[in-house]
């Protein structure tokens, strides 16, 4: 029952997130939105970021639709930028929402809700 309640709350919290169509760009940026650490686009049900991320570092996540107009892009760059943290292992992005007590795994949410596989540091798997 608690799992069901948790996912209901999560779905309400994340209901404003855009669909992740092919071509959707996701950027991992600094907290001040100035430095872009990495950028990836949804391709073949995967979102693959290449680069090293400092474990447990605070970041913001920008989600840009491929067909976004100028106003939607501006909104994504400002008040819709998600607060997050790189996981201690460096293999996930942990989203932070005021409505939730703890962080939400972006990797798990993408897989469960959008059937997209998130890969951070894919070169480390080889």
N, C-alpha and C. Protein backbone atom coordinates (compact mmCIF):
# COMPACT_ATOMS: atom_id res chain seq x y z
N UNK A 1 0.82 -1.20 0.00
CA UNK A 1 0.00 0.00 0.00
C UNK A 1 0.87 1.26 0.00
N UNK A 2 1.96 1.22 0.79
CA UNK A 2 2.84 2.38 0.86
C UNK A 2 3.50 2.62 -0.48
N UNK A 3 3.90 1.53 -1.19
CA UNK A 3 4.49 1.69 -2.52
C UNK A 3 3.51 2.36 -3.47
N UNK A 4 2.26 1.96 -3.42
CA UNK A 4 1.24 2.54 -4.29
C UNK A 4 1.06 4.02 -3.98
N UNK A 5 0.99 4.36 -2.72
CA UNK A 5 0.86 5.76 -2.31
C UNK A 5 2.08 6.56 -2.74
N UNK A 6 3.26 5.97 -2.57
CA UNK A 6 4.50 6.65 -2.98
C UNK A 6 4.47 6.95 -4.47
N UNK A 7 4.14 5.97 -5.30
CA UNK A 7 4.14 6.19 -6.75
C UNK A 7 3.02 7.14 -7.18
N UNK A 8 1.92 7.17 -6.45
CA UNK A 8 0.88 8.16 -6.75
C UNK A 8 1.42 9.57 -6.51
N UNK A 9 2.08 9.76 -5.37
CA UNK A 9 2.67 11.06 -5.06
C UNK A 9 3.74 11.42 -6.08
N UNK A 10 4.56 10.46 -6.45
CA UNK A 10 5.61 10.70 -7.45
C UNK A 10 4.98 11.08 -8.78
N UNK A 11 3.94 10.36 -9.19
CA UNK A 11 3.32 10.66 -10.48
C UNK A 11 2.72 12.06 -10.48
N UNK A 12 2.15 12.48 -9.36
CA UNK A 12 1.61 13.83 -9.27
C UNK A 12 2.73 14.87 -9.31
N UNK A 13 3.83 14.57 -8.64
CA UNK A 13 4.98 15.48 -8.61
C UNK A 13 5.59 15.62 -9.99
N UNK A 14 5.69 14.51 -10.71
CA UNK A 14 6.36 14.50 -12.01
C UNK A 14 5.41 14.68 -13.18
N UNK A 15 4.15 14.92 -12.91
CA UNK A 15 3.18 15.04 -14.00
C UNK A 15 3.51 16.20 -14.93
N UNK A 16 4.25 17.17 -14.45
CA UNK A 16 4.62 18.30 -15.29
C UNK A 16 5.82 18.03 -16.18
N UNK A 17 6.49 16.91 -15.98
CA UNK A 17 7.64 16.60 -16.83
C UNK A 17 7.16 16.25 -18.24
N UNK A 18 7.91 16.67 -19.22
CA UNK A 18 7.51 16.38 -20.60
C UNK A 18 7.71 14.91 -20.95
N UNK A 19 7.02 14.48 -22.00
CA UNK A 19 7.29 13.16 -22.53
C UNK A 19 8.71 13.17 -23.07
N UNK A 20 9.31 12.01 -23.13
CA UNK A 20 10.70 11.91 -23.56
C UNK A 20 10.75 11.29 -24.96
N UNK A 21 10.25 12.04 -25.93
CA UNK A 21 10.25 11.58 -27.31
C UNK A 21 11.68 11.50 -27.84
N UNK A 22 11.92 10.70 -28.88
CA UNK A 22 13.24 10.71 -29.52
C UNK A 22 13.62 12.14 -29.90
N UNK A 23 14.85 12.49 -29.60
CA UNK A 23 15.32 13.84 -29.88
C UNK A 23 15.23 14.78 -28.68
N UNK A 24 14.50 14.36 -27.62
CA UNK A 24 14.45 15.18 -26.42
C UNK A 24 15.86 15.30 -25.85
N UNK A 25 16.27 16.54 -25.56
CA UNK A 25 17.61 16.77 -25.03
C UNK A 25 17.54 16.98 -23.53
N UNK A 26 18.45 16.34 -22.82
CA UNK A 26 18.56 16.50 -21.37
C UNK A 26 19.97 17.00 -21.09
N UNK A 27 20.05 18.08 -20.33
CA UNK A 27 21.35 18.66 -19.98
C UNK A 27 21.56 18.58 -18.47
N UNK A 28 22.76 18.22 -18.09
CA UNK A 28 23.18 18.27 -16.69
C UNK A 28 24.01 19.54 -16.57
N UNK A 29 23.55 20.47 -15.74
CA UNK A 29 24.19 21.78 -15.65
C UNK A 29 24.48 22.14 -14.19
N UNK A 30 25.28 23.19 -14.02
CA UNK A 30 25.61 23.67 -12.68
C UNK A 30 24.36 24.27 -12.03
N UNK A 31 24.44 24.46 -10.74
CA UNK A 31 23.30 24.99 -9.99
C UNK A 31 22.90 26.39 -10.47
N UNK A 32 23.88 27.16 -10.98
CA UNK A 32 23.57 28.51 -11.47
C UNK A 32 23.17 28.51 -12.94
N UNK A 33 23.05 27.32 -13.54
CA UNK A 33 22.62 27.13 -14.93
C UNK A 33 23.62 27.65 -15.97
N UNK A 34 24.83 27.99 -15.55
CA UNK A 34 25.80 28.56 -16.48
C UNK A 34 26.66 27.48 -17.15
N UNK A 35 27.17 26.54 -16.37
CA UNK A 35 28.07 25.52 -16.89
C UNK A 35 27.28 24.28 -17.30
N UNK A 36 27.48 23.83 -18.53
CA UNK A 36 26.87 22.57 -19.00
C UNK A 36 27.90 21.47 -18.80
N UNK A 37 27.59 20.50 -17.93
CA UNK A 37 28.49 19.39 -17.68
C UNK A 37 28.36 18.31 -18.75
N UNK A 38 27.14 18.08 -19.19
CA UNK A 38 26.91 17.06 -20.21
C UNK A 38 25.54 17.27 -20.82
N UNK A 39 25.39 16.77 -22.03
CA UNK A 39 24.12 16.85 -22.74
C UNK A 39 23.92 15.55 -23.49
N UNK A 40 22.70 15.07 -23.52
CA UNK A 40 22.39 13.84 -24.25
C UNK A 40 20.98 13.95 -24.81
N UNK A 41 20.73 13.21 -25.87
CA UNK A 41 19.40 13.17 -26.48
C UNK A 41 18.86 11.76 -26.43
N UNK A 42 17.55 11.65 -26.29
CA UNK A 42 16.90 10.34 -26.30
C UNK A 42 17.02 9.76 -27.70
N UNK A 43 17.63 8.59 -27.79
CA UNK A 43 17.80 7.89 -29.06
C UNK A 43 17.60 6.40 -28.80
N UNK A 44 16.75 5.77 -29.59
CA UNK A 44 16.51 4.32 -29.47
C UNK A 44 16.24 3.89 -28.02
N UNK A 45 15.36 4.61 -27.35
CA UNK A 45 14.97 4.31 -25.97
C UNK A 45 16.14 4.32 -24.99
N UNK A 46 17.17 5.13 -25.29
CA UNK A 46 18.30 5.30 -24.39
C UNK A 46 18.62 6.77 -24.23
N UNK A 47 19.13 7.11 -23.07
CA UNK A 47 19.64 8.44 -22.79
C UNK A 47 21.05 8.22 -22.25
N UNK A 48 22.06 8.49 -23.08
CA UNK A 48 23.44 8.15 -22.75
C UNK A 48 24.26 9.42 -22.58
N UNK A 49 24.76 9.63 -21.37
CA UNK A 49 25.65 10.75 -21.07
C UNK A 49 27.08 10.24 -21.06
N UNK A 50 27.96 10.93 -21.74
CA UNK A 50 29.37 10.58 -21.74
C UNK A 50 30.12 11.64 -20.96
N UNK A 51 30.93 11.21 -20.05
CA UNK A 51 31.71 12.14 -19.23
C UNK A 51 31.76 11.66 -17.80
N UNK A 52 32.60 12.30 -17.05
CA UNK A 52 32.73 11.96 -15.63
C UNK A 52 31.93 12.97 -14.81
N UNK A 53 31.25 12.47 -13.83
CA UNK A 53 30.47 13.32 -12.95
C UNK A 53 30.97 13.11 -11.53
N UNK A 54 31.14 14.19 -10.84
CA UNK A 54 31.59 14.13 -9.45
C UNK A 54 30.48 13.50 -8.61
N UNK A 55 30.73 12.33 -8.02
CA UNK A 55 29.69 11.70 -7.19
C UNK A 55 29.21 12.64 -6.09
N UNK A 56 27.93 12.59 -5.85
CA UNK A 56 27.28 13.34 -4.78
C UNK A 56 27.30 14.86 -5.00
N UNK A 57 27.54 15.30 -6.23
CA UNK A 57 27.55 16.74 -6.50
C UNK A 57 26.14 17.22 -6.86
N UNK A 58 25.84 18.46 -6.49
CA UNK A 58 24.55 19.06 -6.81
C UNK A 58 24.57 19.58 -8.24
N UNK A 59 23.48 19.33 -8.95
CA UNK A 59 23.35 19.76 -10.34
C UNK A 59 21.90 20.18 -10.58
N UNK A 60 21.66 20.70 -11.76
CA UNK A 60 20.29 20.96 -12.21
C UNK A 60 20.12 20.19 -13.51
N UNK A 61 18.91 19.80 -13.78
CA UNK A 61 18.58 19.02 -14.97
C UNK A 61 17.62 19.82 -15.82
N UNK A 62 17.98 19.99 -17.09
CA UNK A 62 17.13 20.68 -18.05
C UNK A 62 16.61 19.67 -19.05
N UNK A 63 15.32 19.69 -19.33
CA UNK A 63 14.72 18.80 -20.32
C UNK A 63 14.14 19.67 -21.42
N UNK A 64 14.69 19.53 -22.62
CA UNK A 64 14.31 20.36 -23.75
C UNK A 64 13.68 19.50 -24.84
N UNK A 65 12.44 19.78 -25.16
CA UNK A 65 11.73 19.04 -26.21
C UNK A 65 12.30 19.40 -27.58
N UNK A 66 12.33 18.43 -28.50
CA UNK A 66 12.88 18.71 -29.83
C UNK A 66 12.06 19.74 -30.61
N UNK A 67 10.78 19.84 -30.31
CA UNK A 67 9.92 20.77 -31.03
C UNK A 67 9.54 21.99 -30.19
N UNK A 68 10.34 22.29 -29.15
CA UNK A 68 10.01 23.38 -28.24
C UNK A 68 10.13 24.73 -28.94
N UNK A 69 9.18 25.61 -28.63
CA UNK A 69 9.29 26.98 -29.14
C UNK A 69 10.19 27.78 -28.20
N UNK A 70 10.46 29.02 -28.56
CA UNK A 70 11.39 29.85 -27.79
C UNK A 70 10.93 30.03 -26.34
N UNK A 71 9.64 30.23 -26.12
CA UNK A 71 9.12 30.43 -24.77
C UNK A 71 9.30 29.17 -23.91
N UNK A 72 9.03 28.00 -24.47
CA UNK A 72 9.20 26.76 -23.73
C UNK A 72 10.66 26.52 -23.37
N UNK A 73 11.56 26.89 -24.26
CA UNK A 73 12.98 26.74 -23.98
C UNK A 73 13.41 27.67 -22.85
N UNK A 74 12.93 28.89 -22.86
CA UNK A 74 13.25 29.84 -21.79
C UNK A 74 12.73 29.31 -20.45
N UNK A 75 11.52 28.77 -20.43
CA UNK A 75 10.95 28.22 -19.20
C UNK A 75 11.78 27.05 -18.69
N UNK A 76 12.24 26.19 -19.61
CA UNK A 76 13.06 25.04 -19.22
C UNK A 76 14.37 25.49 -18.61
N UNK A 77 14.88 26.61 -19.08
CA UNK A 77 16.16 27.11 -18.59
C UNK A 77 16.03 27.84 -17.26
N UNK A 78 14.84 28.10 -16.83
CA UNK A 78 14.66 28.86 -15.59
C UNK A 78 13.96 28.08 -14.52
N UNK A 79 12.70 28.41 -14.33
CA UNK A 79 11.98 27.85 -13.19
C UNK A 79 11.65 26.37 -13.32
N UNK A 80 11.80 25.78 -14.49
CA UNK A 80 11.50 24.35 -14.64
C UNK A 80 12.75 23.48 -14.56
N UNK A 81 13.91 24.08 -14.35
CA UNK A 81 15.14 23.30 -14.20
C UNK A 81 15.04 22.52 -12.89
N UNK A 82 15.21 21.21 -12.97
CA UNK A 82 15.05 20.35 -11.80
C UNK A 82 16.30 20.35 -10.94
N UNK A 83 16.11 20.34 -9.64
CA UNK A 83 17.22 20.21 -8.70
C UNK A 83 17.54 18.73 -8.56
N UNK A 84 18.84 18.41 -8.57
CA UNK A 84 19.23 17.01 -8.51
C UNK A 84 20.62 16.88 -7.89
N UNK A 85 21.03 15.63 -7.74
CA UNK A 85 22.35 15.30 -7.22
C UNK A 85 22.81 14.05 -7.97
N UNK A 86 24.09 14.01 -8.30
CA UNK A 86 24.65 12.79 -8.88
C UNK A 86 24.74 11.78 -7.73
N UNK A 87 24.37 10.53 -7.99
CA UNK A 87 24.38 9.52 -6.94
C UNK A 87 25.81 9.29 -6.42
N UNK A 88 25.95 8.77 -5.21
CA UNK A 88 27.29 8.51 -4.67
C UNK A 88 28.12 7.58 -5.56
N UNK A 89 27.45 6.69 -6.30
CA UNK A 89 28.16 5.78 -7.20
C UNK A 89 28.45 6.42 -8.55
N UNK A 90 27.81 7.56 -8.83
CA UNK A 90 28.02 8.26 -10.09
C UNK A 90 27.27 7.66 -11.27
N UNK A 91 26.28 6.79 -11.00
CA UNK A 91 25.59 6.11 -12.09
C UNK A 91 24.10 6.47 -12.20
N UNK A 92 23.67 7.47 -11.45
CA UNK A 92 22.26 7.86 -11.46
C UNK A 92 22.16 9.35 -11.13
N UNK A 93 21.03 9.92 -11.48
CA UNK A 93 20.72 11.30 -11.13
C UNK A 93 19.55 11.24 -10.16
N UNK A 94 19.75 11.77 -8.97
CA UNK A 94 18.73 11.71 -7.93
C UNK A 94 18.00 13.04 -7.88
N UNK A 95 16.75 13.01 -8.32
CA UNK A 95 15.94 14.23 -8.37
C UNK A 95 15.44 14.59 -6.98
N UNK A 96 15.37 15.88 -6.71
CA UNK A 96 14.92 16.36 -5.41
C UNK A 96 13.66 17.20 -5.59
N UNK A 97 12.61 16.82 -4.84
CA UNK A 97 11.35 17.54 -4.88
C UNK A 97 10.92 17.86 -3.46
N UNK A 98 10.39 19.04 -3.25
CA UNK A 98 9.94 19.45 -1.92
C UNK A 98 8.83 18.52 -1.42
N UNK A 99 8.04 17.97 -2.34
CA UNK A 99 6.91 17.13 -1.96
C UNK A 99 7.33 15.74 -1.49
N UNK A 100 8.56 15.34 -1.77
CA UNK A 100 9.04 14.00 -1.41
C UNK A 100 10.08 14.10 -0.31
N UNK A 101 10.06 13.12 0.59
CA UNK A 101 11.03 13.12 1.70
C UNK A 101 12.44 12.86 1.21
N UNK A 102 12.61 11.96 0.29
CA UNK A 102 13.94 11.60 -0.18
C UNK A 102 14.06 11.82 -1.67
N UNK A 103 15.23 11.52 -2.22
CA UNK A 103 15.44 11.72 -3.65
C UNK A 103 14.72 10.65 -4.48
N UNK A 104 14.49 10.98 -5.73
CA UNK A 104 13.86 10.06 -6.68
C UNK A 104 14.88 9.71 -7.76
N UNK A 105 15.07 8.44 -8.00
CA UNK A 105 16.01 7.97 -9.02
C UNK A 105 15.47 8.30 -10.41
N UNK A 106 16.21 9.15 -11.13
CA UNK A 106 15.84 9.48 -12.51
C UNK A 106 15.95 8.24 -13.39
N UNK A 107 16.96 7.41 -13.12
CA UNK A 107 17.16 6.18 -13.88
C UNK A 107 15.94 5.26 -13.75
N UNK A 108 15.48 5.05 -12.53
CA UNK A 108 14.33 4.17 -12.30
C UNK A 108 13.06 4.77 -12.89
N UNK A 109 12.86 6.08 -12.71
CA UNK A 109 11.67 6.73 -13.25
C UNK A 109 11.65 6.63 -14.77
N UNK A 110 12.78 6.91 -15.42
CA UNK A 110 12.83 6.80 -16.88
C UNK A 110 12.48 5.39 -17.34
N UNK A 111 13.02 4.39 -16.67
CA UNK A 111 12.79 3.00 -17.07
C UNK A 111 11.33 2.61 -16.82
N UNK A 112 10.82 2.91 -15.63
CA UNK A 112 9.46 2.49 -15.27
C UNK A 112 8.37 3.27 -16.00
N UNK A 113 8.57 4.56 -16.18
CA UNK A 113 7.52 5.42 -16.74
C UNK A 113 7.66 5.72 -18.22
N UNK A 114 8.87 5.69 -18.74
CA UNK A 114 9.09 6.06 -20.14
C UNK A 114 9.79 4.97 -20.95
N UNK A 115 10.13 3.86 -20.31
CA UNK A 115 10.84 2.75 -20.95
C UNK A 115 12.12 3.23 -21.64
N UNK A 116 12.85 4.10 -20.96
CA UNK A 116 14.12 4.64 -21.46
C UNK A 116 15.22 4.24 -20.49
N UNK A 117 16.32 3.76 -21.03
CA UNK A 117 17.47 3.37 -20.21
C UNK A 117 18.42 4.55 -20.08
N UNK A 118 18.72 4.93 -18.85
CA UNK A 118 19.67 6.01 -18.57
C UNK A 118 21.05 5.40 -18.34
N UNK A 119 22.04 5.95 -19.02
CA UNK A 119 23.42 5.51 -18.82
C UNK A 119 24.30 6.72 -18.57
N UNK A 120 24.94 6.73 -17.41
CA UNK A 120 25.95 7.73 -17.09
C UNK A 120 27.30 7.03 -17.12
N UNK A 121 28.30 7.68 -17.69
CA UNK A 121 29.65 7.11 -17.77
C UNK A 121 29.64 5.73 -18.43
N UNK A 122 29.08 5.59 -19.63
CA UNK A 122 28.98 4.26 -20.24
C UNK A 122 30.32 3.62 -20.51
N UNK A 123 31.38 4.38 -20.64
CA UNK A 123 32.71 3.82 -20.87
C UNK A 123 33.20 3.00 -19.70
N UNK A 124 32.66 3.25 -18.49
CA UNK A 124 33.07 2.51 -17.31
C UNK A 124 32.56 1.08 -17.30
N UNK A 125 31.55 0.79 -18.13
CA UNK A 125 30.97 -0.55 -18.16
C UNK A 125 31.84 -1.54 -18.92
N UNK A 126 32.76 -1.05 -19.71
CA UNK A 126 33.54 -1.94 -20.57
C UNK A 126 34.74 -2.48 -19.84
